[in-house]
N, C-alpha and C. Protein backbone atom coordinates (compact mmCIF):
# COMPACT_ATOMS: atom_id res chain seq x y z
N MET A 1 -12.29 -41.19 7.83
CA MET A 1 -12.46 -39.71 6.96
C MET A 1 -11.79 -38.86 6.64
N MET A 2 -10.58 -39.09 5.86
CA MET A 2 -10.35 -37.10 6.30
C MET A 2 -10.92 -35.78 7.18
N LYS A 3 -9.82 -35.26 7.78
CA LYS A 3 -10.12 -34.33 8.71
C LYS A 3 -10.31 -33.29 8.01
N GLN A 4 -10.62 -32.40 7.72
CA GLN A 4 -10.42 -31.51 6.78
C GLN A 4 -9.94 -29.52 7.84
N THR A 5 -9.36 -29.56 6.61
CA THR A 5 -8.25 -28.50 7.89
C THR A 5 -9.70 -26.90 7.23
N LYS A 6 -7.87 -26.13 8.34
CA LYS A 6 -9.06 -24.39 7.50
C LYS A 6 -8.22 -24.22 6.02
N GLU A 7 -7.71 -24.63 5.72
CA GLU A 7 -6.65 -24.74 3.47
C GLU A 7 -8.37 -24.83 3.10
N GLN A 8 -9.01 -24.55 2.65
CA GLN A 8 -10.24 -26.05 2.31
C GLN A 8 -9.66 -25.46 0.49
N PHE A 9 -10.21 -26.18 -0.33
CA PHE A 9 -9.93 -25.14 -1.86
C PHE A 9 -11.47 -25.25 -2.32
N GLY A 10 -12.98 -24.84 -2.98
CA GLY A 10 -13.71 -24.79 -3.87
C GLY A 10 -14.05 -23.39 -4.87
N GLU A 11 -14.20 -22.50 -4.22
CA GLU A 11 -14.01 -21.10 -4.51
C GLU A 11 -11.95 -20.67 -5.40
N GLY A 12 -11.57 -21.34 -3.95
CA GLY A 12 -10.33 -20.68 -4.40
C GLY A 12 -9.23 -21.06 -2.15
N ASN A 13 -8.11 -21.02 -2.59
CA ASN A 13 -7.26 -21.17 -1.10
C ASN A 13 -7.90 -20.26 -0.18
N TYR A 14 -8.80 -20.39 0.86
CA TYR A 14 -9.48 -19.50 1.51
C TYR A 14 -8.11 -19.03 2.21
N THR A 15 -6.90 -20.58 2.73
CA THR A 15 -6.29 -19.75 3.23
C THR A 15 -4.74 -18.09 3.38
N ALA A 16 -4.98 -18.86 1.52
CA ALA A 16 -3.35 -17.62 0.94
C ALA A 16 -4.44 -16.88 -0.04
N ALA A 17 -5.70 -16.94 0.80
CA ALA A 17 -6.69 -15.20 0.58
C ALA A 17 -6.57 -14.35 1.47
N ARG A 18 -6.87 -15.33 2.56
CA ARG A 18 -6.95 -14.35 3.97
C ARG A 18 -5.38 -14.61 3.95
N ASN A 19 -4.59 -14.91 3.88
CA ASN A 19 -2.92 -14.51 4.02
C ASN A 19 -2.62 -13.17 3.64
N PHE A 20 -2.98 -13.60 2.16
CA PHE A 20 -2.25 -11.53 1.18
C PHE A 20 -3.48 -11.47 1.28
N ARG A 21 -4.65 -10.59 1.77
CA ARG A 21 -5.26 -9.74 2.23
C ARG A 21 -4.68 -9.15 3.23
N ARG A 22 -4.17 -9.79 4.47
CA ARG A 22 -3.17 -9.56 5.94
C ARG A 22 -2.26 -9.03 5.65
N ASP A 23 -1.19 -9.76 4.24
CA ASP A 23 -0.52 -9.01 4.60
C ASP A 23 -0.49 -7.49 3.52
N GLU A 24 -1.84 -7.01 1.57
CA GLU A 24 -1.47 -6.03 1.76
C GLU A 24 -2.22 -5.34 2.45
N GLU A 25 -3.19 -5.29 3.82
CA GLU A 25 -3.56 -4.15 4.61
C GLU A 25 -2.34 -4.21 5.33
N GLU A 26 -1.98 -4.92 5.76
CA GLU A 26 -0.03 -4.64 6.42
C GLU A 26 0.24 -3.69 5.77
N PHE A 27 1.17 -4.19 4.05
CA PHE A 27 1.78 -3.45 3.42
C PHE A 27 1.24 -1.66 3.04
N VAL A 28 0.11 -1.35 3.49
CA VAL A 28 -0.45 -0.14 3.14
C VAL A 28 -0.42 0.60 4.64
N ARG A 29 -0.78 -0.41 5.66
CA ARG A 29 -0.20 0.77 6.73
C ARG A 29 0.82 1.15 6.90
N ALA A 30 1.66 0.28 6.50
CA ALA A 30 3.18 0.50 7.25
C ALA A 30 3.76 2.04 5.68
N ASN A 31 3.08 1.79 4.03
CA ASN A 31 3.03 2.59 3.39
C ASN A 31 2.68 3.87 3.47
N LYS A 32 1.80 3.87 4.28
CA LYS A 32 0.60 4.77 3.73
C LYS A 32 0.51 6.50 3.28
N GLY A 33 2.27 6.85 4.03
CA GLY A 33 2.09 8.49 3.07
C GLY A 33 2.98 8.19 2.23
N ARG A 34 3.60 7.16 1.99
CA ARG A 34 4.66 6.95 0.66
C ARG A 34 3.92 6.72 -0.89
N VAL A 35 2.75 5.45 -0.51
CA VAL A 35 1.46 5.09 -1.68
C VAL A 35 2.50 6.01 -2.82
N GLU A 36 1.90 7.24 -3.11
CA GLU A 36 2.20 8.11 -3.66
C GLU A 36 3.42 7.98 -4.84
N ALA A 37 4.80 8.68 -3.71
CA ALA A 37 6.00 8.83 -4.33
C ALA A 37 6.13 7.23 -4.89
N MET A 38 5.70 5.94 -3.58
CA MET A 38 6.06 4.70 -4.42
C MET A 38 6.41 4.49 -6.39
N GLY A 39 4.43 4.40 -5.90
CA GLY A 39 4.22 4.85 -7.86
C GLY A 39 5.18 6.13 -8.83
N GLN A 40 5.22 7.03 -8.33
CA GLN A 40 6.15 7.69 -9.46
C GLN A 40 7.28 6.96 -9.66
N ASP A 41 7.74 6.36 -8.39
CA ASP A 41 9.32 5.86 -8.99
C ASP A 41 8.93 4.89 -9.97
N ALA A 42 7.67 3.77 -9.54
CA ALA A 42 7.48 2.91 -10.63
C ALA A 42 7.34 2.94 -12.42
N GLU A 43 6.60 4.57 -12.53
CA GLU A 43 6.07 4.65 -13.79
C GLU A 43 7.63 5.50 -14.13
N LYS A 44 8.58 5.96 -13.11
CA LYS A 44 10.08 6.32 -13.65
C LYS A 44 10.44 5.47 -14.12
N ALA A 45 10.93 4.17 -13.61
CA ALA A 45 11.27 2.42 -13.82
C ALA A 45 11.15 2.26 -14.99
N LEU A 46 9.72 2.64 -15.02
CA LEU A 46 9.27 2.23 -17.20
C LEU A 46 9.59 2.53 -17.53
N ASP A 47 9.24 3.85 -17.59
CA ASP A 47 10.08 5.07 -18.40
C ASP A 47 12.29 4.48 -18.41
N GLY A 48 12.32 3.81 -18.02
CA GLY A 48 13.20 4.10 -17.51
C GLY A 48 14.33 3.27 -18.20
N ALA A 49 15.81 2.68 -18.36
CA ALA A 49 16.03 2.15 -18.24
C ALA A 49 16.10 0.23 -17.75
N GLU A 50 15.84 0.26 -16.61
CA GLU A 50 14.71 -1.01 -16.68
C GLU A 50 13.10 -1.22 -17.19
N GLY A 51 12.89 -0.89 -17.45
CA GLY A 51 11.63 -1.25 -18.56
C GLY A 51 11.10 -2.57 -19.19
N GLU A 52 12.33 -2.25 -20.22
CA GLU A 52 11.54 -3.74 -21.36
C GLU A 52 11.89 -4.68 -20.25
N GLU A 53 13.13 -4.61 -18.95
CA GLU A 53 13.22 -6.28 -18.08
C GLU A 53 12.11 -6.02 -17.65
N LEU A 54 11.38 -5.16 -17.20
CA LEU A 54 10.14 -4.98 -16.03
C LEU A 54 8.94 -5.41 -17.01
N ARG A 55 8.42 -5.25 -17.85
CA ARG A 55 7.63 -5.74 -19.45
C ARG A 55 8.08 -6.87 -19.21
N ARG A 56 9.18 -7.56 -19.82
CA ARG A 56 9.75 -8.74 -20.42
C ARG A 56 9.04 -10.49 -18.76
N ALA A 57 9.08 -9.72 -17.13
CA ALA A 57 8.45 -10.39 -16.35
C ALA A 57 6.78 -10.04 -16.71
N GLU A 58 6.51 -8.97 -16.74
CA GLU A 58 5.66 -8.65 -16.95
C GLU A 58 4.83 -10.00 -17.70
N ARG A 59 5.23 -10.31 -18.45
CA ARG A 59 4.82 -11.39 -19.79
C ARG A 59 5.28 -12.26 -19.75
N GLU A 60 6.20 -12.61 -18.49
CA GLU A 60 6.26 -13.93 -18.36
C GLU A 60 5.42 -14.72 -16.98
N ALA A 61 4.73 -13.69 -16.42
CA ALA A 61 3.97 -13.75 -15.04
C ALA A 61 2.87 -14.80 -15.83
N ARG A 62 2.66 -13.45 -16.49
CA ARG A 62 1.10 -13.34 -17.34
C ARG A 62 1.28 -14.44 -18.32
N ASP A 63 2.25 -15.39 -18.62
CA ASP A 63 2.15 -16.47 -20.01
C ASP A 63 2.01 -17.49 -18.80
N HIS A 64 2.70 -17.30 -17.15
CA HIS A 64 2.31 -18.51 -16.73
C HIS A 64 1.58 -18.94 -15.50
N SER A 65 0.58 -17.47 -15.62
CA SER A 65 -0.59 -16.79 -14.95
C SER A 65 -2.40 -18.37 -15.99
N LYS A 66 -2.80 -18.25 -15.00
CA LYS A 66 -3.84 -19.55 -15.19
C LYS A 66 -4.77 -18.46 -15.91
N SER A 67 -5.30 -17.13 -15.93
CA SER A 67 -6.50 -16.36 -16.49
C SER A 67 -5.55 -15.83 -17.13
N LYS A 68 -5.38 -15.10 -18.86
CA LYS A 68 -4.73 -14.84 -19.67
C LYS A 68 -5.40 -13.42 -20.24
């Protein structure tokens, strides 16, 4: 009989989901006062010289994802 671990697969990988949620909450706490400025920086990056590279990376990531 196979031993079951907390990393179960069914509707998804529960361990990965839990880790993602923990990391996301930690990021928000650590950057609470900077989120708006970070968004503005991201917008400037898309409009600036690195914009095409960022859009290409986004397309590539989307092409590799399971849901398109």
